[in-house]
């Protein structure tokens, strides 16, 4: 690897460690002597099969945003949120390179269930379209009460 501080410096690895996100390497430039850290992460092209049949590339950011939205104004630390999203992501990856969107939704629900009931219900209401169902039931109840027949 080329040193980021010099133009023609060559680096060597001093230390390598695995962490939850990949490999952390501590490097030293043989010419200028400066040290820096690099991170290596395997790029697995995870694909998502939507309910419509369309296939798109998995987006970690979309998963993070969806789970974050489920918490709304509920206090959750950034670290706890990231850990939750990472755990969901890890489980989704265990299903292979091509995952149905239904599996993603159910995995998120399973993880949210143990963390926060309100976030679980918020996510479920969007994922399962419960708000639409509740509105339909309310309309049917109103119709049955006020029906002239």
N, C-alpha and C. Protein backbone atom coordinates (compact mmCIF):
# COMPACT_ATOMS: atom_id res chain seq x y z
N UNK A 1 0.85 -1.18 0.00
CA UNK A 1 0.00 0.00 0.00
C UNK A 1 0.89 1.24 0.00
N UNK A 2 0.44 2.26 -0.70
CA UNK A 2 1.18 3.50 -0.79
C UNK A 2 0.85 4.37 0.41
N UNK A 3 1.87 5.04 0.94
CA UNK A 3 1.71 5.94 2.08
C UNK A 3 0.85 7.15 1.69
N UNK A 4 -0.14 7.51 2.51
CA UNK A 4 -0.97 8.67 2.17
C UNK A 4 -0.26 10.00 2.38
N UNK A 5 0.93 9.98 3.04
CA UNK A 5 1.66 11.21 3.34
C UNK A 5 2.76 11.52 2.33
N UNK A 6 3.20 10.50 1.62
CA UNK A 6 4.27 10.69 0.63
C UNK A 6 3.82 10.19 -0.71
N UNK A 7 4.62 10.44 -1.75
CA UNK A 7 4.21 10.05 -3.09
C UNK A 7 4.72 8.67 -3.48
N UNK A 8 5.92 8.33 -3.06
CA UNK A 8 6.47 7.05 -3.48
C UNK A 8 6.90 6.19 -2.30
N UNK A 9 6.29 6.42 -1.16
CA UNK A 9 6.61 5.64 0.04
C UNK A 9 5.88 4.30 -0.02
N UNK A 10 6.50 3.30 0.55
CA UNK A 10 5.87 1.99 0.65
C UNK A 10 5.66 1.68 2.12
N UNK A 11 4.53 1.04 2.43
CA UNK A 11 4.20 0.78 3.83
C UNK A 11 4.28 -0.70 4.16
N UNK A 12 4.41 -0.96 5.44
CA UNK A 12 4.36 -2.35 5.92
C UNK A 12 3.36 -2.43 7.07
N UNK A 13 2.79 -3.62 7.25
CA UNK A 13 1.79 -3.83 8.29
C UNK A 13 2.50 -4.14 9.60
N UNK A 14 2.16 -3.37 10.63
CA UNK A 14 2.73 -3.57 11.97
C UNK A 14 1.83 -4.48 12.80
N UNK A 15 0.52 -4.26 12.68
CA UNK A 15 -0.44 -4.99 13.50
C UNK A 15 -1.72 -5.19 12.71
N UNK A 16 -2.34 -6.37 12.84
CA UNK A 16 -3.62 -6.66 12.20
C UNK A 16 -4.57 -7.25 13.23
N UNK A 17 -5.80 -6.75 13.25
CA UNK A 17 -6.79 -7.27 14.19
C UNK A 17 -8.15 -7.33 13.52
N UNK A 18 -8.87 -8.40 13.83
CA UNK A 18 -10.24 -8.51 13.35
C UNK A 18 -11.15 -7.79 14.32
N UNK A 19 -12.17 -7.13 13.78
CA UNK A 19 -13.21 -6.56 14.62
C UNK A 19 -14.55 -6.88 13.99
N UNK A 20 -15.63 -6.38 14.56
CA UNK A 20 -16.97 -6.73 14.08
C UNK A 20 -17.24 -6.24 12.66
N UNK A 21 -16.51 -5.24 12.22
CA UNK A 21 -16.76 -4.67 10.90
C UNK A 21 -15.78 -5.14 9.83
N UNK A 22 -14.73 -5.84 10.20
CA UNK A 22 -13.75 -6.28 9.22
C UNK A 22 -12.38 -6.43 9.85
N UNK A 23 -11.37 -5.92 9.17
CA UNK A 23 -9.99 -6.03 9.65
C UNK A 23 -9.40 -4.63 9.81
N UNK A 24 -8.76 -4.42 10.94
CA UNK A 24 -8.08 -3.16 11.24
C UNK A 24 -6.59 -3.41 11.12
N UNK A 25 -5.91 -2.64 10.30
CA UNK A 25 -4.46 -2.81 10.12
C UNK A 25 -3.74 -1.52 10.50
N UNK A 26 -2.70 -1.67 11.29
CA UNK A 26 -1.83 -0.55 11.66
C UNK A 26 -0.63 -0.64 10.72
N UNK A 27 -0.35 0.44 10.01
CA UNK A 27 0.71 0.44 9.01
C UNK A 27 1.76 1.51 9.32
N UNK A 28 2.97 1.26 8.81
CA UNK A 28 4.06 2.23 8.97
C UNK A 28 4.75 2.40 7.62
N UNK A 29 5.03 3.65 7.30
CA UNK A 29 5.73 3.97 6.06
C UNK A 29 7.23 3.72 6.26
N UNK A 30 7.85 2.95 5.35
CA UNK A 30 9.28 2.63 5.49
C UNK A 30 10.17 3.83 5.16
N UNK A 31 9.66 4.79 4.42
CA UNK A 31 10.45 5.96 4.04
C UNK A 31 10.34 7.10 5.04
N UNK A 32 9.11 7.54 5.30
CA UNK A 32 8.94 8.71 6.17
C UNK A 32 8.69 8.33 7.64
N UNK A 33 8.40 7.07 7.92
CA UNK A 33 8.24 6.61 9.30
C UNK A 33 6.89 6.91 9.94
N UNK A 34 5.99 7.56 9.21
CA UNK A 34 4.67 7.88 9.76
C UNK A 34 3.79 6.63 9.82
N UNK A 35 2.93 6.60 10.83
CA UNK A 35 2.02 5.47 11.02
C UNK A 35 0.58 5.91 10.77
N UNK A 36 -0.22 4.97 10.28
CA UNK A 36 -1.64 5.23 10.05
C UNK A 36 -2.40 3.91 10.11
N UNK A 37 -3.71 4.02 10.20
CA UNK A 37 -4.57 2.84 10.32
C UNK A 37 -5.45 2.72 9.08
N UNK A 38 -5.60 1.49 8.61
CA UNK A 38 -6.53 1.22 7.51
C UNK A 38 -7.55 0.20 7.99
N UNK A 39 -8.71 0.23 7.37
CA UNK A 39 -9.77 -0.72 7.70
C UNK A 39 -10.18 -1.44 6.43
N UNK A 40 -10.29 -2.74 6.54
CA UNK A 40 -10.71 -3.54 5.40
C UNK A 40 -12.05 -4.18 5.74
N UNK A 41 -12.96 -4.09 4.78
CA UNK A 41 -14.28 -4.65 4.98
C UNK A 41 -14.66 -5.39 3.70
N UNK A 42 -15.12 -6.62 3.85
CA UNK A 42 -15.53 -7.39 2.69
C UNK A 42 -16.78 -6.77 2.08
N UNK A 43 -16.78 -6.59 0.80
CA UNK A 43 -17.93 -6.01 0.11
C UNK A 43 -18.72 -7.14 -0.53
N UNK A 44 -19.77 -7.55 0.14
CA UNK A 44 -20.62 -8.61 -0.37
C UNK A 44 -21.84 -7.95 -0.98
N UNK A 45 -22.01 -8.16 -2.25
CA UNK A 45 -23.15 -7.55 -2.93
C UNK A 45 -24.42 -8.32 -2.57
N UNK A 46 -25.07 -7.85 -1.54
CA UNK A 46 -26.31 -8.44 -1.09
C UNK A 46 -27.43 -7.85 -1.93
N UNK A 47 -28.26 -8.71 -2.48
CA UNK A 47 -29.35 -8.26 -3.33
C UNK A 47 -30.68 -8.52 -2.63
N UNK A 48 -31.64 -7.62 -2.86
CA UNK A 48 -32.96 -7.71 -2.24
C UNK A 48 -33.99 -7.92 -3.32
N UNK A 49 -34.83 -8.95 -3.14
CA UNK A 49 -35.93 -9.18 -4.06
C UNK A 49 -37.18 -8.56 -3.45
N UNK A 50 -37.68 -7.52 -4.11
CA UNK A 50 -38.86 -6.80 -3.63
C UNK A 50 -40.11 -7.64 -3.87
N UNK A 51 -41.22 -7.25 -3.23
CA UNK A 51 -42.49 -7.95 -3.42
C UNK A 51 -42.97 -7.89 -4.87
N UNK A 52 -42.59 -6.83 -5.57
CA UNK A 52 -42.97 -6.66 -6.98
C UNK A 52 -42.18 -7.58 -7.90
N UNK A 53 -41.13 -8.20 -7.37
CA UNK A 53 -40.26 -9.05 -8.18
C UNK A 53 -38.98 -8.36 -8.60
N UNK A 54 -38.95 -7.04 -8.47
CA UNK A 54 -37.74 -6.28 -8.81
C UNK A 54 -36.62 -6.66 -7.86
N UNK A 55 -35.40 -6.56 -8.36
CA UNK A 55 -34.22 -6.86 -7.55
C UNK A 55 -33.36 -5.61 -7.48
N UNK A 56 -32.95 -5.25 -6.27
CA UNK A 56 -32.08 -4.09 -6.09
C UNK A 56 -31.01 -4.41 -5.08
N UNK A 57 -29.95 -3.62 -5.11
CA UNK A 57 -28.85 -3.83 -4.18
C UNK A 57 -29.26 -3.42 -2.77
N UNK A 58 -28.84 -4.20 -1.78
CA UNK A 58 -29.16 -3.92 -0.38
C UNK A 58 -28.51 -2.60 0.03
N UNK A 59 -29.24 -1.81 0.80
CA UNK A 59 -28.73 -0.54 1.29
C UNK A 59 -28.71 -0.54 2.81
N UNK A 60 -27.50 -0.52 3.38
CA UNK A 60 -27.36 -0.46 4.83
C UNK A 60 -27.98 0.83 5.36
N UNK A 61 -27.78 1.92 4.61
CA UNK A 61 -28.30 3.22 5.02
C UNK A 61 -29.83 3.20 5.10
N UNK A 62 -30.47 2.53 4.15
CA UNK A 62 -31.93 2.42 4.14
C UNK A 62 -32.41 1.62 5.35
N UNK A 63 -31.70 0.55 5.69
CA UNK A 63 -32.02 -0.24 6.87
C UNK A 63 -31.87 0.60 8.13
N UNK A 64 -30.76 1.32 8.23
CA UNK A 64 -30.49 2.17 9.39
C UNK A 64 -31.58 3.23 9.53
N UNK A 65 -31.93 3.88 8.43
CA UNK A 65 -32.94 4.94 8.45
C UNK A 65 -34.30 4.39 8.86
N UNK A 66 -34.67 3.22 8.36
CA UNK A 66 -35.95 2.62 8.71
C UNK A 66 -36.06 2.29 10.18
N UNK A 67 -34.98 1.75 10.74
CA UNK A 67 -34.98 1.41 12.17
C UNK A 67 -34.94 2.69 13.00
N UNK A 68 -34.16 3.66 12.58
CA UNK A 68 -34.10 4.94 13.30
C UNK A 68 -35.47 5.62 13.30
N UNK A 69 -36.17 5.59 12.19
CA UNK A 69 -37.51 6.17 12.10
C UNK A 69 -38.49 5.48 13.03
N UNK A 70 -38.32 4.19 13.22
CA UNK A 70 -39.21 3.45 14.12
C UNK A 70 -39.11 3.97 15.55
N UNK A 71 -37.94 4.46 15.92
CA UNK A 71 -37.76 4.99 17.27
C UNK A 71 -38.30 6.41 17.40
N UNK A 72 -38.49 7.12 16.29
CA UNK A 72 -39.07 8.46 16.33
C UNK A 72 -38.40 9.32 17.38
N UNK A 73 -39.14 9.77 18.38
CA UNK A 73 -38.60 10.63 19.43
C UNK A 73 -38.14 9.85 20.65
N UNK A 74 -38.14 8.54 20.58
CA UNK A 74 -37.73 7.72 21.72
C UNK A 74 -36.22 7.80 21.88
N UNK A 75 -35.78 7.97 23.13
CA UNK A 75 -34.34 8.05 23.40
C UNK A 75 -33.68 6.70 23.18
N UNK A 76 -32.69 6.70 22.31
CA UNK A 76 -31.83 5.53 22.10
C UNK A 76 -30.46 6.08 21.72
N UNK A 77 -29.44 5.56 22.35
CA UNK A 77 -28.09 6.06 22.06
C UNK A 77 -27.67 5.65 20.65
N UNK A 78 -26.79 6.45 20.07
CA UNK A 78 -26.29 6.13 18.73
C UNK A 78 -25.62 4.77 18.71
N UNK A 79 -24.90 4.46 19.79
CA UNK A 79 -24.19 3.19 19.87
C UNK A 79 -25.17 2.01 19.91
N UNK A 80 -26.22 2.15 20.69
CA UNK A 80 -27.22 1.08 20.79
C UNK A 80 -27.96 0.91 19.47
N UNK A 81 -28.26 2.02 18.79
CA UNK A 81 -28.94 1.96 17.50
C UNK A 81 -28.04 1.29 16.47
N UNK A 82 -26.77 1.67 16.43
CA UNK A 82 -25.84 1.06 15.48
C UNK A 82 -25.66 -0.42 15.74
N UNK A 83 -25.58 -0.80 17.02
CA UNK A 83 -25.45 -2.22 17.37
C UNK A 83 -26.68 -2.99 16.91
N UNK A 84 -27.85 -2.42 17.12
CA UNK A 84 -29.09 -3.06 16.69
C UNK A 84 -29.11 -3.25 15.18
N UNK A 85 -28.77 -2.20 14.44
CA UNK A 85 -28.75 -2.28 12.98
C UNK A 85 -27.70 -3.29 12.51
N UNK A 86 -26.53 -3.29 13.14
CA UNK A 86 -25.48 -4.25 12.77
C UNK A 86 -25.93 -5.69 13.01
N UNK A 87 -26.63 -5.93 14.11
CA UNK A 87 -27.13 -7.28 14.40
C UNK A 87 -28.17 -7.72 13.37
N UNK A 88 -29.06 -6.80 13.00
CA UNK A 88 -30.05 -7.10 11.97
C UNK A 88 -29.34 -7.38 10.64
N UNK A 89 -28.37 -6.55 10.30
CA UNK A 89 -27.62 -6.71 9.05
C UNK A 89 -26.90 -8.06 9.01
N UNK A 90 -26.28 -8.41 10.12
CA UNK A 90 -25.56 -9.68 10.21
C UNK A 90 -26.51 -10.86 9.98
N UNK A 91 -27.70 -10.79 10.58
CA UNK A 91 -28.67 -11.88 10.40
C UNK A 91 -29.18 -11.93 8.96
N UNK A 92 -29.40 -10.77 8.36
CA UNK A 92 -29.86 -10.73 6.97
C UNK A 92 -28.82 -11.36 6.05
N UNK A 93 -27.54 -11.04 6.28
CA UNK A 93 -26.46 -11.62 5.46
C UNK A 93 -26.39 -13.13 5.58
N UNK A 94 -26.81 -13.67 6.72
CA UNK A 94 -26.75 -15.12 6.92
C UNK A 94 -27.75 -15.87 6.04
N UNK A 95 -28.69 -15.14 5.41
CA UNK A 95 -29.69 -15.77 4.53
C UNK A 95 -29.17 -15.93 3.10
N UNK A 96 -27.97 -15.49 2.82
CA UNK A 96 -27.41 -15.64 1.48
C UNK A 96 -27.27 -14.31 0.78
N UNK A 97 -26.88 -14.38 -0.50
CA UNK A 97 -26.61 -13.15 -1.27
C UNK A 97 -27.88 -12.53 -1.84
N UNK A 98 -28.96 -13.30 -1.90
CA UNK A 98 -30.22 -12.78 -2.42
C UNK A 98 -31.29 -13.01 -1.35
N UNK A 99 -31.86 -11.91 -0.85
CA UNK A 99 -32.80 -11.98 0.26
C UNK A 99 -34.11 -11.31 -0.14
N UNK A 100 -35.21 -11.92 0.25
CA UNK A 100 -36.51 -11.30 -0.02
C UNK A 100 -36.75 -10.18 0.98
N UNK A 101 -37.43 -9.14 0.51
CA UNK A 101 -37.71 -7.99 1.39
C UNK A 101 -38.53 -8.41 2.60
N UNK A 102 -39.33 -9.44 2.45
CA UNK A 102 -40.14 -9.96 3.56
C UNK A 102 -39.24 -10.46 4.69
N UNK A 103 -38.14 -11.11 4.34
CA UNK A 103 -37.20 -11.61 5.33
C UNK A 103 -36.56 -10.45 6.09
N UNK A 104 -36.25 -9.38 5.37
CA UNK A 104 -35.65 -8.20 6.01
C UNK A 104 -36.64 -7.59 7.01
N UNK A 105 -37.88 -7.40 6.58
CA UNK A 105 -38.90 -6.83 7.46
C UNK A 105 -39.14 -7.67 8.70
N UNK A 106 -39.22 -8.98 8.53
CA UNK A 106 -39.45 -9.87 9.67
C UNK A 106 -38.26 -9.89 10.61
N UNK A 107 -37.06 -9.80 10.06
CA UNK A 107 -35.85 -9.77 10.88
C UNK A 107 -35.82 -8.50 11.72
N UNK A 108 -36.14 -7.38 11.11
CA UNK A 108 -36.18 -6.11 11.85
C UNK A 108 -37.22 -6.20 12.97
N UNK A 109 -38.40 -6.72 12.65
CA UNK A 109 -39.45 -6.85 13.66
C UNK A 109 -39.00 -7.72 14.82
N UNK A 110 -38.36 -8.83 14.52
CA UNK A 110 -37.89 -9.74 15.59
C UNK A 110 -36.90 -9.05 16.51
N UNK A 111 -36.02 -8.24 15.95
CA UNK A 111 -35.02 -7.55 16.76
C UNK A 111 -35.64 -6.40 17.56
N UNK A 112 -36.58 -5.68 16.94
CA UNK A 112 -37.21 -4.55 17.63
C UNK A 112 -38.11 -5.01 18.78
N UNK A 113 -38.69 -6.20 18.63
CA UNK A 113 -39.60 -6.72 19.64
C UNK A 113 -38.95 -6.79 21.01
N UNK A 114 -37.70 -7.16 21.05
CA UNK A 114 -36.98 -7.29 22.31
C UNK A 114 -36.37 -6.00 22.82
N UNK A 115 -36.38 -4.95 21.99
CA UNK A 115 -35.72 -3.71 22.37
C UNK A 115 -36.72 -2.66 22.85
N UNK A 116 -37.78 -2.42 22.06
CA UNK A 116 -38.73 -1.36 22.41
C UNK A 116 -40.07 -1.65 21.74
N UNK A 117 -41.12 -1.77 22.53
CA UNK A 117 -42.44 -2.11 22.00
C UNK A 117 -43.01 -1.03 21.08
N UNK A 118 -42.79 0.23 21.44
CA UNK A 118 -43.32 1.33 20.62
C UNK A 118 -42.63 1.35 19.26
N UNK A 119 -41.32 1.20 19.25
CA UNK A 119 -40.58 1.15 17.99
C UNK A 119 -41.03 -0.05 17.16
N UNK A 120 -41.27 -1.16 17.83
CA UNK A 120 -41.78 -2.36 17.16
C UNK A 120 -43.12 -2.07 16.48
N UNK A 121 -44.03 -1.43 17.21
CA UNK A 121 -45.35 -1.13 16.66
C UNK A 121 -45.27 -0.11 15.52
N UNK A 122 -44.39 0.87 15.66
CA UNK A 122 -44.23 1.86 14.59
C UNK A 122 -43.71 1.20 13.32
N UNK A 123 -42.70 0.35 13.47
CA UNK A 123 -42.15 -0.32 12.29
C UNK A 123 -43.20 -1.26 11.70
N UNK A 124 -43.89 -2.00 12.56
CA UNK A 124 -44.91 -2.94 12.09
C UNK A 124 -46.03 -2.22 11.37
N UNK A 125 -46.40 -1.03 11.86
CA UNK A 125 -47.50 -0.30 11.22
C UNK A 125 -47.14 0.10 9.79
N UNK A 126 -45.87 0.41 9.56
CA UNK A 126 -45.44 0.75 8.21
C UNK A 126 -45.21 -0.52 7.40
N UNK A 127 -44.48 -1.46 7.97
CA UNK A 127 -44.12 -2.69 7.25
C UNK A 127 -45.36 -3.51 6.90
N UNK A 128 -46.28 -3.62 7.83
CA UNK A 128 -47.47 -4.45 7.61
C UNK A 128 -48.68 -3.63 7.15
N UNK A 129 -48.49 -2.34 6.94
CA UNK A 129 -49.57 -1.43 6.53
C UNK A 129 -50.75 -1.48 7.49
N UNK A 130 -50.45 -1.52 8.79
CA UNK A 130 -51.51 -1.62 9.80
C UNK A 130 -52.35 -0.36 9.87
N UNK A 131 -51.79 0.78 9.60
CA UNK A 131 -52.56 2.02 9.66
C UNK A 131 -53.71 1.95 8.66
N UNK A 132 -53.43 1.45 7.48
CA UNK A 132 -54.46 1.32 6.46
C UNK A 132 -55.55 0.36 6.93
N UNK A 133 -55.15 -0.73 7.53
CA UNK A 133 -56.11 -1.72 8.04
C UNK A 133 -56.96 -1.10 9.14
N UNK A 134 -56.34 -0.39 10.07
CA UNK A 134 -57.08 0.24 11.16
C UNK A 134 -58.09 1.25 10.62
N UNK A 135 -57.69 2.04 9.64
CA UNK A 135 -58.61 3.03 9.06
C UNK A 135 -59.80 2.33 8.41
N UNK A 136 -59.52 1.26 7.69
CA UNK A 136 -60.60 0.52 7.03
C UNK A 136 -61.57 -0.04 8.06
N UNK A 137 -61.06 -0.59 9.14
CA UNK A 137 -61.92 -1.13 10.20
C UNK A 137 -62.75 -0.02 10.84
N UNK A 138 -62.14 1.15 11.07
CA UNK A 138 -62.86 2.28 11.67
C UNK A 138 -63.99 2.73 10.74
N UNK A 139 -63.71 2.81 9.45
CA UNK A 139 -64.72 3.21 8.48
C UNK A 139 -65.86 2.21 8.47
N UNK A 140 -65.53 0.91 8.50
CA UNK A 140 -66.57 -0.12 8.51
C UNK A 140 -67.43 -0.02 9.76
N UNK A 141 -66.83 0.26 10.91
CA UNK A 141 -67.60 0.41 12.15
C UNK A 141 -68.53 1.60 12.06
N UNK A 142 -68.03 2.71 11.50
CA UNK A 142 -68.86 3.90 11.34
C UNK A 142 -70.03 3.62 10.39
N UNK A 143 -69.75 2.93 9.32
CA UNK A 143 -70.81 2.60 8.36
C UNK A 143 -71.88 1.74 9.01
N UNK A 144 -71.45 0.76 9.79
CA UNK A 144 -72.43 -0.15 10.39
C UNK A 144 -73.29 0.57 11.43
N UNK A 145 -72.76 1.57 12.12
CA UNK A 145 -73.52 2.32 13.11
C UNK A 145 -74.55 3.24 12.45
N UNK A 146 -74.15 3.85 11.35
CA UNK A 146 -75.00 4.86 10.74
C UNK A 146 -75.71 4.38 9.48
N UNK A 147 -75.63 3.13 9.23
CA UNK A 147 -76.27 2.60 8.02
C UNK A 147 -77.79 2.63 8.16
N UNK A 148 -78.49 3.12 7.12
CA UNK A 148 -79.95 3.15 7.19
C UNK A 148 -80.57 1.78 6.99
N UNK A 149 -79.80 0.77 6.65
CA UNK A 149 -80.36 -0.56 6.36
C UNK A 149 -80.27 -1.47 7.53
